[in-house]
Amino acid sequence: MKYLVVDAELSGTGIRDKYNEPYFYLNPQDLGLSNETISKLNEWLLKYQEEHYKGFKESNVIDQLDEEGRNIALIIKNELIDVKMEYYSDASMRWEII
């Protein structure tokens, strides 16, 4: 069983192994994710990065990005076998089980 976390940490790939600390980021291609999912993940990371550099000032944008991140985590959970997923909001520093 893999325990994965989707997050938008600036130095990360968007997916990390929860129990291989500190922050062992995984290459999405190595997980066997579809190209469509990898594209969604990369686009989401860029949008989250832009908001980070703006100082996370617009809560409605952060809410939308976090919802998108949760949806990506759910897609990953459905694509992979034998995984537990969590989502971590970098802007609000909250954990959620997916």
PDB file of N, CA and C in Angstrom:
ATOM      1  N   MET A   1       0.850  -1.178   0.000  1.00  0.00           N
ATOM      2  CA  MET A   1       0.000   0.000   0.000  1.00  0.00           C
ATOM      3  C   MET A   1       0.893   1.237   0.000  1.00  0.00           C
ATOM      4  N   LYS A   2       0.568   2.172  -0.879  1.00  0.00           N
ATOM      5  CA  LYS A   2       1.273   3.447  -0.921  1.00  0.00           C
ATOM      6  C   LYS A   2       0.408   4.493  -0.238  1.00  0.00           C
ATOM      7  N   TYR A   3       1.049   5.396   0.470  1.00  0.00           N
ATOM      8  CA  TYR A   3       0.377   6.523   1.111  1.00  0.00           C
ATOM      9  C   TYR A   3       0.910   7.792   0.453  1.00  0.00           C
ATOM     10  N   LEU A   4       0.075   8.400  -0.383  1.00  0.00           N
ATOM     11  CA  LEU A   4       0.495   9.541  -1.181  1.00  0.00           C
ATOM     12  C   LEU A   4      -0.224  10.811  -0.744  1.00  0.00           C
ATOM     13  N   VAL A   5       0.471  11.927  -0.938  1.00  0.00           N
ATOM     14  CA  VAL A   5      -0.081  13.239  -0.636  1.00  0.00           C
ATOM     15  C   VAL A   5       0.059  14.103  -1.880  1.00  0.00           C
ATOM     16  N   VAL A   6      -1.017  14.777  -2.244  1.00  0.00           N
ATOM     17  CA  VAL A   6      -0.965  15.787  -3.299  1.00  0.00           C
ATOM     18  C   VAL A   6      -0.818  17.133  -2.598  1.00  0.00           C
ATOM     19  N   ASP A   7       0.217  17.862  -2.982  1.00  0.00           N
ATOM     20  CA  ASP A   7       0.403  19.216  -2.450  1.00  0.00           C
ATOM     21  C   ASP A   7       1.107  20.082  -3.486  1.00  0.00           C
ATOM     22  N   ALA A   8       1.096  21.379  -3.248  1.00  0.00           N
ATOM     23  CA  ALA A   8       1.651  22.321  -4.220  1.00  0.00           C
ATOM     24  C   ALA A   8       2.923  22.995  -3.708  1.00  0.00           C
ATOM     25  N   GLU A   9       3.674  22.303  -2.898  1.00  0.00           N
ATOM     26  CA  GLU A   9       4.942  22.831  -2.386  1.00  0.00           C
ATOM     27  C   GLU A   9       5.787  23.309  -3.570  1.00  0.00           C
ATOM     28  N   LEU A  10       6.396  24.465  -3.432  1.00  0.00           N
ATOM     29  CA  LEU A  10       7.137  25.066  -4.542  1.00  0.00           C
ATOM     30  C   LEU A  10       8.238  24.168  -5.103  1.00  0.00           C
ATOM     31  N   SER A  11       8.917  23.449  -4.269  1.00  0.00           N
ATOM     32  CA  SER A  11      10.039  22.638  -4.741  1.00  0.00           C
ATOM     33  C   SER A  11       9.638  21.222  -5.141  1.00  0.00           C
ATOM     34  N   GLY A  12       8.340  20.934  -5.114  1.00  0.00           N
ATOM     35  CA  GLY A  12       7.896  19.560  -5.324  1.00  0.00           C
ATOM     36  C   GLY A  12       7.340  19.277  -6.703  1.00  0.00           C
ATOM     37  N   THR A  13       6.936  18.021  -6.867  1.00  0.00           N
ATOM     38  CA  THR A  13       6.349  17.555  -8.122  1.00  0.00           C
ATOM     39  C   THR A  13       4.825  17.492  -8.045  1.00  0.00           C
ATOM     40  N   GLY A  14       4.284  17.757  -6.848  1.00  0.00           N
ATOM     41  CA  GLY A  14       2.843  17.696  -6.654  1.00  0.00           C
ATOM     42  C   GLY A  14       2.381  16.433  -5.967  1.00  0.00           C
ATOM     43  N   ILE A  15       3.230  15.393  -5.950  1.00  0.00           N
ATOM     44  CA  ILE A  15       2.882  14.126  -5.307  1.00  0.00           C
ATOM     45  C   ILE A  15       4.068  13.672  -4.474  1.00  0.00           C
ATOM     46  N   ARG A  16       3.774  13.320  -3.220  1.00  0.00           N
ATOM     47  CA  ARG A  16       4.863  12.811  -2.401  1.00  0.00           C
ATOM     48  C   ARG A  16       4.432  11.597  -1.604  1.00  0.00           C
ATOM     49  N   ASP A  17       5.425  10.860  -1.180  1.00  0.00           N
ATOM     50  CA  ASP A  17       5.241   9.698  -0.332  1.00  0.00           C
ATOM     51  C   ASP A  17       5.114  10.208   1.097  1.00  0.00           C
ATOM     52  N   LYS A  18       3.976   9.976   1.721  1.00  0.00           N
ATOM     53  CA  LYS A  18       3.710  10.539   3.052  1.00  0.00           C
ATOM     54  C   LYS A  18       4.699  10.064   4.106  1.00  0.00           C
ATOM     55  N   TYR A  19       5.099   8.816   4.051  1.00  0.00           N
ATOM     56  CA  TYR A  19       5.915   8.270   5.120  1.00  0.00           C
ATOM     57  C   TYR A  19       7.397   8.206   4.814  1.00  0.00           C
ATOM     58  N   ASN A  20       7.809   8.793   3.735  1.00  0.00           N
ATOM     59  CA  ASN A  20       9.229   8.866   3.426  1.00  0.00           C
ATOM     60  C   ASN A  20       9.652  10.320   3.590  1.00  0.00           C
ATOM     61  N   GLU A  21       9.755  10.744   4.819  1.00  0.00           N
ATOM     62  CA  GLU A  21      10.080  12.137   5.134  1.00  0.00           C
ATOM     63  C   GLU A  21      11.583  12.362   5.064  1.00  0.00           C
ATOM     64  N   PRO A  22      12.067  13.544   4.888  1.00  0.00           N
ATOM     65  CA  PRO A  22      11.259  14.739   4.695  1.00  0.00           C
ATOM     66  C   PRO A  22      10.927  14.939   3.222  1.00  0.00           C
ATOM     67  N   TYR A  23       9.668  15.021   2.938  1.00  0.00           N
ATOM     68  CA  TYR A  23       9.139  15.379   1.626  1.00  0.00           C
ATOM     69  C   TYR A  23       9.805  14.668   0.457  1.00  0.00           C
ATOM     70  N   PHE A  24       9.602  13.386   0.364  1.00  0.00           N
ATOM     71  CA  PHE A  24      10.124  12.614  -0.754  1.00  0.00           C
ATOM     72  C   PHE A  24       9.130  12.718  -1.904  1.00  0.00           C
ATOM     73  N   TYR A  25       9.420  13.604  -2.854  1.00  0.00           N
ATOM     74  CA  TYR A  25       8.527  13.801  -3.986  1.00  0.00           C
ATOM     75  C   TYR A  25       8.745  12.730  -5.038  1.00  0.00           C
ATOM     76  N   LEU A  26       7.649  12.318  -5.634  1.00  0.00           N
ATOM     77  CA  LEU A  26       7.661  11.259  -6.640  1.00  0.00           C
ATOM     78  C   LEU A  26       7.481  11.849  -8.028  1.00  0.00           C
ATOM     79  N   ASN A  27       8.078  11.211  -8.999  1.00  0.00           N
ATOM     80  CA  ASN A  27       7.887  11.603 -10.381  1.00  0.00           C
ATOM     81  C   ASN A  27       6.547  11.025 -10.837  1.00  0.00           C
ATOM     82  N   PRO A  28       5.603  11.863 -11.246  1.00  0.00           N
ATOM     83  CA  PRO A  28       4.282  11.351 -11.655  1.00  0.00           C
ATOM     84  C   PRO A  28       4.353  10.314 -12.773  1.00  0.00           C
ATOM     85  N   GLN A  29       5.313  10.448 -13.681  1.00  0.00           N
ATOM     86  CA  GLN A  29       5.448   9.468 -14.759  1.00  0.00           C
ATOM     87  C   GLN A  29       5.802   8.087 -14.203  1.00  0.00           C
ATOM     88  N   ASP A  30       6.602   8.057 -13.147  1.00  0.00           N
ATOM     89  CA  ASP A  30       7.022   6.783 -12.559  1.00  0.00           C
ATOM     90  C   ASP A  30       5.875   6.049 -11.877  1.00  0.00           C
ATOM     91  N   LEU A  31       4.820   6.776 -11.522  1.00  0.00           N
ATOM     92  CA  LEU A  31       3.668   6.152 -10.872  1.00  0.00           C
ATOM     93  C   LEU A  31       2.736   5.472 -11.867  1.00  0.00           C
ATOM     94  N   GLY A  32       2.915   5.776 -13.141  1.00  0.00           N
ATOM     95  CA  GLY A  32       2.054   5.185 -14.168  1.00  0.00           C
ATOM     96  C   GLY A  32       0.758   5.948 -14.366  1.00  0.00           C
ATOM     97  N   LEU A  33       0.763   7.237 -14.021  1.00  0.00           N
ATOM     98  CA  LEU A  33      -0.433   8.058 -14.224  1.00  0.00           C
ATOM     99  C   LEU A  33      -0.622   8.370 -15.705  1.00  0.00           C
ATOM    100  N   SER A  34      -1.852   8.619 -16.081  1.00  0.00           N
ATOM    101  CA  SER A  34      -2.137   8.965 -17.481  1.00  0.00           C
ATOM    102  C   SER A  34      -1.541  10.330 -17.811  1.00  0.00           C
ATOM    103  N   ASN A  35      -1.290  10.545 -19.082  1.00  0.00           N
ATOM    104  CA  ASN A  35      -0.766  11.846 -19.530  1.00  0.00           C
ATOM    105  C   ASN A  35      -1.736  12.970 -19.194  1.00  0.00           C
ATOM    106  N   GLU A  36      -3.024  12.689 -19.285  1.00  0.00           N
ATOM    107  CA  GLU A  36      -4.036  13.697 -18.965  1.00  0.00           C
ATOM    108  C   GLU A  36      -3.943  14.112 -17.493  1.00  0.00           C
ATOM    109  N   THR A  37      -3.784  13.152 -16.613  1.00  0.00           N
ATOM    110  CA  THR A  37      -3.684  13.456 -15.184  1.00  0.00           C
ATOM    111  C   THR A  37      -2.401  14.224 -14.881  1.00  0.00           C
ATOM    112  N   ILE A  38      -1.313  13.825 -15.500  1.00  0.00           N
ATOM    113  CA  ILE A  38      -0.039  14.525 -15.299  1.00  0.00           C
ATOM    114  C   ILE A  38      -0.147  15.965 -15.784  1.00  0.00           C
ATOM    115  N   SER A  39      -0.823  16.172 -16.904  1.00  0.00           N
ATOM    116  CA  SER A  39      -1.035  17.536 -17.418  1.00  0.00           C
ATOM    117  C   SER A  39      -1.851  18.373 -16.439  1.00  0.00           C
ATOM    118  N   LYS A  40      -2.943  17.791 -15.929  1.00  0.00           N
ATOM    119  CA  LYS A  40      -3.769  18.504 -14.950  1.00  0.00           C
ATOM    120  C   LYS A  40      -2.952  18.872 -13.718  1.00  0.00           C
ATOM    121  N   LEU A  41      -2.153  17.934 -13.246  1.00  0.00           N
ATOM    122  CA  LEU A  41      -1.320  18.171 -12.073  1.00  0.00           C
ATOM    123  C   LEU A  41      -0.341  19.315 -12.329  1.00  0.00           C
ATOM    124  N   ASN A  42       0.340  19.287 -13.456  1.00  0.00           N
ATOM    125  CA  ASN A  42       1.322  20.321 -13.778  1.00  0.00           C
ATOM    126  C   ASN A  42       0.684  21.693 -13.952  1.00  0.00           C
ATOM    127  N   GLU A  43      -0.466  21.745 -14.603  1.00  0.00           N
ATOM    128  CA  GLU A  43      -1.171  23.020 -14.770  1.00  0.00           C
ATOM    129  C   GLU A  43      -1.599  23.577 -13.418  1.00  0.00           C
ATOM    130  N   TRP A  44      -2.114  22.701 -12.554  1.00  0.00           N
ATOM    131  CA  TRP A  44      -2.532  23.108 -11.219  1.00  0.00           C
ATOM    132  C   TRP A  44      -1.346  23.634 -10.412  1.00  0.00           C
ATOM    133  N   LEU A  45      -0.209  22.952 -10.503  1.00  0.00           N
ATOM    134  CA  LEU A  45       0.989  23.408  -9.777  1.00  0.00           C
ATOM    135  C   LEU A  45       1.403  24.812 -10.211  1.00  0.00           C
ATOM    136  N   LEU A  46       1.337  25.087 -11.498  1.00  0.00           N
ATOM    137  CA  LEU A  46       1.698  26.423 -11.992  1.00  0.00           C
ATOM    138  C   LEU A  46       0.744  27.493 -11.466  1.00  0.00           C
ATOM    139  N   LYS A  47      -0.552  27.188 -11.460  1.00  0.00           N
ATOM    140  CA  LYS A  47      -1.528  28.155 -10.941  1.00  0.00           C
ATOM    141  C   LYS A  47      -1.327  28.396  -9.451  1.00  0.00           C
ATOM    142  N   TYR A  48      -1.055  27.334  -8.710  1.00  0.00           N
ATOM    143  CA  TYR A  48      -0.835  27.468  -7.269  1.00  0.00           C
ATOM    144  C   TYR A  48       0.433  28.272  -7.005  1.00  0.00           C
ATOM    145  N   GLN A  49       1.462  28.042  -7.813  1.00  0.00           N
ATOM    146  CA  GLN A  49       2.709  28.779  -7.677  1.00  0.00           C
ATOM    147  C   GLN A  49       2.489  30.278  -7.893  1.00  0.00           C
ATOM    148  N   GLU A  50       1.696  30.612  -8.905  1.00  0.00           N
ATOM    149  CA  GLU A  50       1.391  32.024  -9.163  1.00  0.00           C
ATOM    150  C   GLU A  50       0.733  32.674  -7.945  1.00  0.00           C
ATOM    151  N   GLU A  51      -0.203  31.972  -7.328  1.00  0.00           N
ATOM    152  CA  GLU A  51      -0.884  32.513  -6.148  1.00  0.00           C
ATOM    153  C   GLU A  51       0.062  32.609  -4.953  1.00  0.00           C
ATOM    154  N   HIS A  52       0.980  31.675  -4.864  1.00  0.00           N
ATOM    155  CA  HIS A  52       1.979  31.739  -3.788  1.00  0.00           C
ATOM    156  C   HIS A  52       2.764  33.044  -3.887  1.00  0.00           C
ATOM    157  N   TYR A  53       3.229  33.353  -5.092  1.00  0.00           N
ATOM    158  CA  TYR A  53       4.037  34.560  -5.284  1.00  0.00           C
ATOM    159  C   TYR A  53       3.221  35.840  -5.117  1.00  0.00           C
ATOM    160  N   LYS A  54       1.919  35.732  -5.205  1.00  0.00           N
ATOM    161  CA  LYS A  54       1.038  36.878  -4.940  1.00  0.00           C
ATOM    162  C   LYS A  54       0.707  36.994  -3.453  1.00  0.00           C
ATOM    163  N   GLY A  55       1.174  36.029  -2.663  1.00  0.00           N
ATOM    164  CA  GLY A  55       0.952  36.064  -1.226  1.00  0.00           C
ATOM    165  C   GLY A  55      -0.348  35.435  -0.764  1.00  0.00           C
ATOM    166  N   PHE A  56      -0.957  34.600  -1.594  1.00  0.00           N
ATOM    167  CA  PHE A  56      -2.219  33.940  -1.244  1.00  0.00           C
ATOM    168  C   PHE A  56      -3.258  34.955  -0.750  1.00  0.00           C
ATOM    169  N   LYS A  57      -3.384  36.066  -1.448  1.00  0.00           N
ATOM    170  CA  LYS A  57      -4.267  37.153  -0.999  1.00  0.00           C
ATOM    171  C   LYS A  57      -5.735  36.922  -1.304  1.00  0.00           C
ATOM    172  N   GLU A  58      -6.048  36.190  -2.355  1.00  0.00           N
ATOM    173  CA  GLU A  58      -7.440  36.028  -2.769  1.00  0.00           C
ATOM    174  C   GLU A  58      -7.975  34.673  -2.328  1.00  0.00           C
ATOM    175  N   SER A  59      -8.757  34.695  -1.258  1.00  0.00           N
ATOM    176  CA  SER A  59      -9.228  33.435  -0.668  1.00  0.00           C
ATOM    177  C   SER A  59     -10.119  32.647  -1.626  1.00  0.00           C
ATOM    178  N   ASN A  60     -10.886  33.332  -2.464  1.00  0.00           N
ATOM    179  CA  ASN A  60     -11.740  32.600  -3.401  1.00  0.00           C
ATOM    180  C   ASN A  60     -10.905  31.838  -4.434  1.00  0.00           C
ATOM    181  N   VAL A  61      -9.787  32.401  -4.847  1.00  0.00           N
ATOM    182  CA  VAL A  61      -8.895  31.712  -5.791  1.00  0.00           C
ATOM    183  C   VAL A  61      -8.247  30.516  -5.103  1.00  0.00           C
ATOM    184  N   ILE A  62      -7.825  30.689  -3.864  1.00  0.00           N
ATOM    185  CA  ILE A  62      -7.227  29.586  -3.105  1.00  0.00           C
ATOM    186  C   ILE A  62      -8.244  28.463  -2.929  1.00  0.00           C
ATOM    187  N   ASP A  63      -9.480  28.823  -2.605  1.00  0.00           N
ATOM    188  CA  ASP A  63     -10.530  27.801  -2.461  1.00  0.00           C
ATOM    189  C   ASP A  63     -10.707  27.004  -3.750  1.00  0.00           C
ATOM    190  N   GLN A  64     -10.689  27.693  -4.881  1.00  0.00           N
ATOM    191  CA  GLN A  64     -10.829  27.022  -6.177  1.00  0.00           C
ATOM    192  C   GLN A  64      -9.629  26.114  -6.456  1.00  0.00           C
ATOM    193  N   LEU A  65      -8.431  26.608  -6.148  1.00  0.00           N
ATOM    194  CA  LEU A  65      -7.234  25.796  -6.372  1.00  0.00           C
ATOM    195  C   LEU A  65      -7.213  24.576  -5.462  1.00  0.00           C
ATOM    196  N   ASP A  66      -7.637  24.746  -4.213  1.00  0.00           N
ATOM    197  CA  ASP A  66      -7.687  23.602  -3.304  1.00  0.00           C
ATOM    198  C   ASP A  66      -8.730  22.584  -3.764  1.00  0.00           C
ATOM    199  N   GLU A  67      -9.838  23.047  -4.270  1.00  0.00           N
ATOM    200  CA  GLU A  67     -10.850  22.121  -4.798  1.00  0.00           C
ATOM    201  C   GLU A  67     -10.285  21.357  -6.003  1.00  0.00           C
ATOM    202  N   GLU A  68      -9.580  22.059  -6.849  1.00  0.00           N
ATOM    203  CA  GLU A  68      -8.949  21.418  -8.004  1.00  0.00           C
ATOM    204  C   GLU A  68      -7.908  20.396  -7.544  1.00  0.00           C
ATOM    205  N   GLY A  69      -7.135  20.733  -6.526  1.00  0.00           N
ATOM    206  CA  GLY A  69      -6.140  19.810  -5.988  1.00  0.00           C
ATOM    207  C   GLY A  69      -6.776  18.563  -5.398  1.00  0.00           C
ATOM    208  N   ARG A  70      -7.884  18.729  -4.677  1.00  0.00           N
ATOM    209  CA  ARG A  70      -8.606  17.575  -4.131  1.00  0.00           C
ATOM    210  C   ARG A  70      -9.129  16.686  -5.254  1.00  0.00           C
ATOM    211  N   ASN A  71      -9.619  17.303  -6.315  1.00  0.00           N
ATOM    212  CA  ASN A  71     -10.114  16.527  -7.469  1.00  0.00           C
ATOM    213  C   ASN A  71      -8.980  15.760  -8.142  1.00  0.00           C
ATOM    214  N   ILE A  72      -7.817  16.370  -8.243  1.00  0.00           N
ATOM    215  CA  ILE A  72      -6.662  15.690  -8.829  1.00  0.00           C
ATOM    216  C   ILE A  72      -6.257  14.508  -7.942  1.00  0.00           C
ATOM    217  N   ALA A  73      -6.280  14.702  -6.637  1.00  0.00           N
ATOM    218  CA  ALA A  73      -5.957  13.604  -5.711  1.00  0.00           C
ATOM    219  C   ALA A  73      -6.939  12.446  -5.893  1.00  0.00           C
ATOM    220  N   LEU A  74      -8.203  12.758  -6.085  1.00  0.00           N
ATOM    221  CA  LEU A  74      -9.215  11.712  -6.299  1.00  0.00           C
ATOM    222  C   LEU A  74      -8.974  10.977  -7.622  1.00  0.00           C
ATOM    223  N   ILE A  75      -8.621  11.723  -8.646  1.00  0.00           N
ATOM    224  CA  ILE A  75      -8.305  11.105  -9.945  1.00  0.00           C
ATOM    225  C   ILE A  75      -7.125  10.149  -9.789  1.00  0.00           C
ATOM    226  N   ILE A  76      -6.098  10.595  -9.082  1.00  0.00           N
ATOM    227  CA  ILE A  76      -4.918   9.748  -8.865  1.00  0.00           C
ATOM    228  C   ILE A  76      -5.302   8.497  -8.088  1.00  0.00           C
ATOM    229  N   LYS A  77      -6.108   8.670  -7.065  1.00  0.00           N
ATOM    230  CA  LYS A  77      -6.558   7.532  -6.261  1.00  0.00           C
ATOM    231  C   LYS A  77      -7.292   6.508  -7.125  1.00  0.00           C
ATOM    232  N   ASN A  78      -8.092   6.998  -8.065  1.00  0.00           N
ATOM    233  CA  ASN A  78      -8.848   6.101  -8.938  1.00  0.00           C
ATOM    234  C   ASN A  78      -7.985   5.451 -10.019  1.00  0.00           C
ATOM    235  N   GLU A  79      -6.887   6.108 -10.391  1.00  0.00           N
ATOM    236  CA  GLU A  79      -6.009   5.554 -11.421  1.00  0.00           C
ATOM    237  C   GLU A  79      -5.047   4.505 -10.876  1.00  0.00           C
ATOM    238  N   LEU A  80      -4.662   4.655  -9.630  1.00  0.00           N
ATOM    239  CA  LEU A  80      -3.664   3.756  -9.055  1.00  0.00           C
ATOM    240  C   LEU A  80      -4.333   2.678  -8.212  1.00  0.00           C
ATOM    241  N   ILE A  81      -3.626   1.592  -8.057  1.00  0.00           N
ATOM    242  CA  ILE A  81      -4.124   0.473  -7.266  1.00  0.00           C
ATOM    243  C   ILE A  81      -3.417   0.482  -5.918  1.00  0.00           C
ATOM    244  N   ASP A  82      -4.185   0.204  -4.876  1.00  0.00           N
ATOM    245  CA  ASP A  82      -3.618   0.016  -3.550  1.00  0.00           C
ATOM    246  C   ASP A  82      -2.918   1.275  -3.019  1.00  0.00           C
ATOM    247  N   VAL A  83      -3.632   2.414  -3.064  1.00  0.00           N
ATOM    248  CA  VAL A  83      -3.087   3.654  -2.516  1.00  0.00           C
ATOM    249  C   VAL A  83      -4.098   4.302  -1.577  1.00  0.00           C
ATOM    250  N   LYS A  84      -3.556   5.016  -0.626  1.00  0.00           N
ATOM    251  CA  LYS A  84      -4.328   5.916   0.235  1.00  0.00           C
ATOM    252  C   LYS A  84      -3.875   7.313  -0.131  1.00  0.00           C
ATOM    253  N   MET A  85      -4.836   8.224  -0.249  1.00  0.00           N
ATOM    254  CA  MET A  85      -4.508   9.580  -0.693  1.00  0.00           C
ATOM    255  C   MET A  85      -4.895  10.613   0.353  1.00  0.00           C
ATOM    256  N   GLU A  86      -4.082  11.659   0.409  1.00  0.00           N
ATOM    257  CA  GLU A  86      -4.392  12.839   1.198  1.00  0.00           C
ATOM    258  C   GLU A  86      -4.127  14.058   0.332  1.00  0.00           C
ATOM    259  N   TYR A  87      -4.722  15.164   0.754  1.00  0.00           N
ATOM    260  CA  TYR A  87      -4.469  16.443   0.102  1.00  0.00           C
ATOM    261  C   TYR A  87      -3.991  17.405   1.175  1.00  0.00           C
ATOM    262  N   TYR A  88      -2.955  18.161   0.847  1.00  0.00           N
ATOM    263  CA  TYR A  88      -2.453  19.177   1.768  1.00  0.00           C
ATOM    264  C   TYR A  88      -2.542  20.529   1.084  1.00  0.00           C
ATOM    265  N   SER A  89      -3.256  21.451   1.719  1.00  0.00           N
ATOM    266  CA  SER A  89      -3.364  22.813   1.203  1.00  0.00           C
ATOM    267  C   SER A  89      -2.191  23.632   1.725  1.00  0.00           C
ATOM    268  N   ASP A  90      -1.307  24.014   0.838  1.00  0.00           N
ATOM    269  CA  ASP A  90      -0.158  24.820   1.236  1.00  0.00           C
ATOM    270  C   ASP A  90      -0.577  26.218   1.690  1.00  0.00           C
ATOM    271  N   ALA A  91      -1.634  26.734   1.103  1.00  0.00           N
ATOM    272  CA  ALA A  91      -2.087  28.078   1.453  1.00  0.00           C
ATOM    273  C   ALA A  91      -2.709  28.122   2.847  1.00  0.00           C
ATOM    274  N   SER A  92      -3.541  27.152   3.169  1.00  0.00           N
ATOM    275  CA  SER A  92      -4.218  27.170   4.477  1.00  0.00           C
ATOM    276  C   SER A  92      -3.619  26.181   5.474  1.00  0.00           C
ATOM    277  N   MET A  93      -2.605  25.411   5.047  1.00  0.00           N
ATOM    278  CA  MET A  93      -1.916  24.435   5.887  1.00  0.00           C
ATOM    279  C   MET A  93      -2.894  23.457   6.545  1.00  0.00           C
ATOM    280  N   ARG A  94      -3.774  22.870   5.700  1.00  0.00           N
ATOM    281  CA  ARG A  94      -4.759  21.882   6.170  1.00  0.00           C
ATOM    282  C   ARG A  94      -4.563  20.558   5.440  1.00  0.00           C
ATOM    283  N   TRP A  95      -4.768  19.460   6.182  1.00  0.00           N
ATOM    284  CA  TRP A  95      -4.712  18.104   5.644  1.00  0.00           C
ATOM    285  C   TRP A  95      -6.131  17.600   5.452  1.00  0.00           C
ATOM    286  N   GLU A  96      -6.325  16.822   4.385  1.00  0.00           N
ATOM    287  CA  GLU A  96      -7.608  16.170   4.161  1.00  0.00           C
ATOM    288  C   GLU A  96      -7.375  14.770   3.611  1.00  0.00           C
ATOM    289  N   ILE A  97      -8.109  13.803   4.128  1.00  0.00           N
ATOM    290  CA  ILE A  97      -8.065  12.461   3.577  1.00  0.00           C
ATOM    291  C   ILE A  97      -8.993  12.417   2.384  1.00  0.00           C
ATOM    292  N   ILE A  98      -8.524  11.840   1.298  1.00  0.00           N
ATOM    293  CA  ILE A  98      -9.326  11.752   0.067  1.00  0.00           C
ATOM    294  C   ILE A  98      -9.877  10.340  -0.054  1.00  0.00           C
TER     295      ILE A  98
END
